[in-house]
Amino acid sequence: MSRPSAIALIVKSRKALLADASERLPADATRLHNAAERLLSVLLDVRAGRVDTFELTEPTRMHVVISAD
């Protein structure tokens, strides 16, 4: 996957988590907010080029490898 596509995927996943959190019980909402914060960290690392592979666990499990530009 290209770096821009990986960034878009992370952003989309993070938005989905946050949207879903608003409809959950407090304990589940906290878990989803924590997952969204971890995605923000991954997003920053991917944008900076420090990471070429990562895994998403929420909302769907996925292993992403970023191809060379």
N, C-alpha and C. Protein backbone atom coordinates (compact mmCIF):
# COMPACT_ATOMS: atom_id res chain seq x y z
N MET A 1 0.85 -1.16 0.00
CA MET A 1 0.00 0.00 0.00
C MET A 1 0.90 1.23 0.00
N SER A 2 0.50 2.25 -0.70
CA SER A 2 1.27 3.49 -0.72
C SER A 2 1.13 4.21 0.63
N ARG A 3 2.07 5.08 0.94
CA ARG A 3 2.03 5.83 2.19
C ARG A 3 0.76 6.70 2.28
N PRO A 4 0.40 7.44 1.20
CA PRO A 4 -0.85 8.22 1.29
C PRO A 4 -2.09 7.35 1.52
N SER A 5 -2.12 6.18 0.92
CA SER A 5 -3.26 5.27 1.13
C SER A 5 -3.28 4.75 2.56
N ALA A 6 -2.11 4.46 3.11
CA ALA A 6 -2.03 4.00 4.50
C ALA A 6 -2.50 5.10 5.46
N ILE A 7 -2.11 6.32 5.19
CA ILE A 7 -2.54 7.45 6.02
C ILE A 7 -4.05 7.60 5.95
N ALA A 8 -4.60 7.50 4.76
CA ALA A 8 -6.06 7.62 4.59
C ALA A 8 -6.78 6.49 5.33
N LEU A 9 -6.23 5.28 5.30
CA LEU A 9 -6.81 4.15 6.00
C LEU A 9 -6.81 4.38 7.51
N ILE A 10 -5.72 4.89 8.03
CA ILE A 10 -5.62 5.15 9.47
C ILE A 10 -6.64 6.22 9.88
N VAL A 11 -6.72 7.28 9.10
CA VAL A 11 -7.67 8.36 9.40
C VAL A 11 -9.10 7.82 9.38
N LYS A 12 -9.42 7.03 8.37
CA LYS A 12 -10.77 6.46 8.25
C LYS A 12 -11.07 5.54 9.43
N SER A 13 -10.11 4.71 9.80
CA SER A 13 -10.30 3.78 10.92
C SER A 13 -10.49 4.54 12.23
N ARG A 14 -9.70 5.59 12.41
CA ARG A 14 -9.79 6.39 13.64
C ARG A 14 -11.15 7.08 13.74
N LYS A 15 -11.62 7.63 12.63
CA LYS A 15 -12.95 8.27 12.62
C LYS A 15 -14.05 7.26 12.94
N ALA A 16 -13.93 6.06 12.40
CA ALA A 16 -14.93 5.02 12.67
C ALA A 16 -14.94 4.65 14.15
N LEU A 17 -13.77 4.53 14.74
CA LEU A 17 -13.69 4.21 16.17
C LEU A 17 -14.35 5.29 17.02
N LEU A 18 -14.05 6.54 16.72
CA LEU A 18 -14.59 7.64 17.51
C LEU A 18 -16.10 7.76 17.32
N ALA A 19 -16.59 7.51 16.12
CA ALA A 19 -18.03 7.57 15.87
C ALA A 19 -18.73 6.44 16.62
N ASP A 20 -18.12 5.27 16.62
CA ASP A 20 -18.70 4.12 17.31
C ASP A 20 -18.67 4.32 18.82
N ALA A 21 -17.67 5.00 19.32
CA ALA A 21 -17.53 5.21 20.77
C ALA A 21 -18.69 6.01 21.34
N SER A 22 -19.24 6.91 20.55
CA SER A 22 -20.33 7.76 21.05
C SER A 22 -21.61 6.97 21.29
N GLU A 23 -21.70 5.76 20.74
CA GLU A 23 -22.90 4.93 20.88
C GLU A 23 -22.71 3.78 21.86
N ARG A 24 -21.61 3.75 22.57
CA ARG A 24 -21.28 2.62 23.45
C ARG A 24 -21.41 2.98 24.93
N LEU A 25 -21.41 1.94 25.73
CA LEU A 25 -21.36 2.12 27.18
C LEU A 25 -20.02 2.72 27.56
N PRO A 26 -19.92 3.38 28.71
CA PRO A 26 -18.68 4.07 29.08
C PRO A 26 -17.42 3.21 29.01
N ALA A 27 -17.46 1.98 29.47
CA ALA A 27 -16.25 1.14 29.45
C ALA A 27 -15.82 0.84 28.01
N ASP A 28 -16.77 0.54 27.16
CA ASP A 28 -16.44 0.28 25.75
C ASP A 28 -15.99 1.55 25.06
N ALA A 29 -16.62 2.67 25.40
CA ALA A 29 -16.24 3.94 24.80
C ALA A 29 -14.80 4.29 25.17
N THR A 30 -14.41 4.04 26.39
CA THR A 30 -13.04 4.30 26.83
C THR A 30 -12.06 3.45 26.04
N ARG A 31 -12.38 2.18 25.85
CA ARG A 31 -11.52 1.27 25.08
C ARG A 31 -11.36 1.77 23.65
N LEU A 32 -12.46 2.23 23.05
CA LEU A 32 -12.40 2.73 21.68
C LEU A 32 -11.61 4.04 21.59
N HIS A 33 -11.77 4.90 22.58
CA HIS A 33 -10.99 6.15 22.60
C HIS A 33 -9.50 5.86 22.75
N ASN A 34 -9.16 4.88 23.56
CA ASN A 34 -7.75 4.49 23.72
C ASN A 34 -7.19 3.94 22.41
N ALA A 35 -7.98 3.14 21.72
CA ALA A 35 -7.55 2.61 20.42
C ALA A 35 -7.37 3.74 19.41
N ALA A 36 -8.24 4.74 19.46
CA ALA A 36 -8.12 5.89 18.56
C ALA A 36 -6.85 6.68 18.85
N GLU A 37 -6.48 6.78 20.13
CA GLU A 37 -5.24 7.47 20.49
C GLU A 37 -4.02 6.72 19.99
N ARG A 38 -4.06 5.40 20.06
CA ARG A 38 -2.95 4.59 19.53
C ARG A 38 -2.85 4.78 18.02
N LEU A 39 -3.99 4.87 17.35
CA LEU A 39 -3.96 5.10 15.90
C LEU A 39 -3.37 6.46 15.57
N LEU A 40 -3.62 7.45 16.40
CA LEU A 40 -3.03 8.77 16.17
C LEU A 40 -1.51 8.68 16.23
N SER A 41 -0.99 7.91 17.17
CA SER A 41 0.45 7.71 17.27
C SER A 41 1.00 7.02 16.02
N VAL A 42 0.29 5.98 15.56
CA VAL A 42 0.70 5.28 14.34
C VAL A 42 0.65 6.23 13.15
N LEU A 43 -0.39 7.03 13.08
CA LEU A 43 -0.53 8.00 11.99
C LEU A 43 0.68 8.94 11.93
N LEU A 44 1.08 9.46 13.06
CA LEU A 44 2.21 10.37 13.08
C LEU A 44 3.50 9.67 12.65
N ASP A 45 3.68 8.42 13.09
CA ASP A 45 4.86 7.66 12.69
C ASP A 45 4.86 7.35 11.20
N VAL A 46 3.71 6.99 10.66
CA VAL A 46 3.62 6.69 9.23
C VAL A 46 3.89 7.95 8.41
N ARG A 47 3.28 9.06 8.81
CA ARG A 47 3.50 10.32 8.08
C ARG A 47 4.95 10.73 8.08
N ALA A 48 5.64 10.51 9.20
CA ALA A 48 7.04 10.92 9.32
C ALA A 48 7.99 9.93 8.65
N GLY A 49 7.47 8.80 8.20
CA GLY A 49 8.31 7.81 7.55
C GLY A 49 9.08 6.92 8.50
N ARG A 50 8.72 6.93 9.79
CA ARG A 50 9.41 6.10 10.78
C ARG A 50 8.90 4.67 10.78
N VAL A 51 7.74 4.45 10.16
CA VAL A 51 7.10 3.14 10.18
C VAL A 51 6.75 2.73 8.76
N ASP A 52 7.10 1.48 8.40
CA ASP A 52 6.76 0.96 7.08
C ASP A 52 5.79 -0.22 7.16
N THR A 53 5.48 -0.65 8.36
CA THR A 53 4.52 -1.72 8.56
C THR A 53 3.82 -1.50 9.90
N PHE A 54 2.53 -1.82 9.94
CA PHE A 54 1.76 -1.69 11.17
C PHE A 54 0.54 -2.58 11.09
N GLU A 55 -0.11 -2.77 12.23
CA GLU A 55 -1.33 -3.57 12.30
C GLU A 55 -2.46 -2.73 12.84
N LEU A 56 -3.61 -2.90 12.23
CA LEU A 56 -4.84 -2.33 12.75
C LEU A 56 -5.59 -3.47 13.43
N THR A 57 -6.16 -3.19 14.57
CA THR A 57 -6.96 -4.20 15.25
C THR A 57 -8.43 -3.80 15.33
N GLU A 58 -8.69 -2.54 15.19
CA GLU A 58 -10.05 -2.03 15.26
C GLU A 58 -10.30 -1.12 14.08
N PRO A 59 -11.40 -1.05 13.45
CA PRO A 59 -12.55 -1.93 13.62
C PRO A 59 -12.36 -3.30 12.97
N THR A 60 -11.37 -3.46 12.10
CA THR A 60 -11.08 -4.74 11.46
C THR A 60 -9.58 -5.03 11.58
N ARG A 61 -9.23 -6.28 11.86
CA ARG A 61 -7.82 -6.65 11.97
C ARG A 61 -7.19 -6.66 10.59
N MET A 62 -6.05 -5.98 10.47
CA MET A 62 -5.38 -5.85 9.18
C MET A 62 -3.89 -5.58 9.39
N HIS A 63 -3.06 -6.23 8.61
CA HIS A 63 -1.62 -5.98 8.62
C HIS A 63 -1.30 -5.16 7.36
N VAL A 64 -0.67 -4.01 7.52
CA VAL A 64 -0.39 -3.09 6.42
C VAL A 64 1.11 -2.96 6.22
N VAL A 65 1.54 -3.13 4.98
CA VAL A 65 2.93 -2.91 4.61
C VAL A 65 2.95 -1.76 3.61
N ILE A 66 3.77 -0.76 3.90
CA ILE A 66 3.85 0.42 3.04
C ILE A 66 4.93 0.17 1.99
N SER A 67 4.56 0.34 0.73
CA SER A 67 5.51 0.11 -0.35
C SER A 67 6.41 1.32 -0.52
N ALA A 68 7.57 1.07 -1.12
CA ALA A 68 8.51 2.16 -1.43
C ALA A 68 7.90 3.07 -2.47
N ASP A 69 8.16 4.35 -2.34
CA ASP A 69 7.60 5.33 -3.29
C ASP A 69 8.33 5.33 -4.58
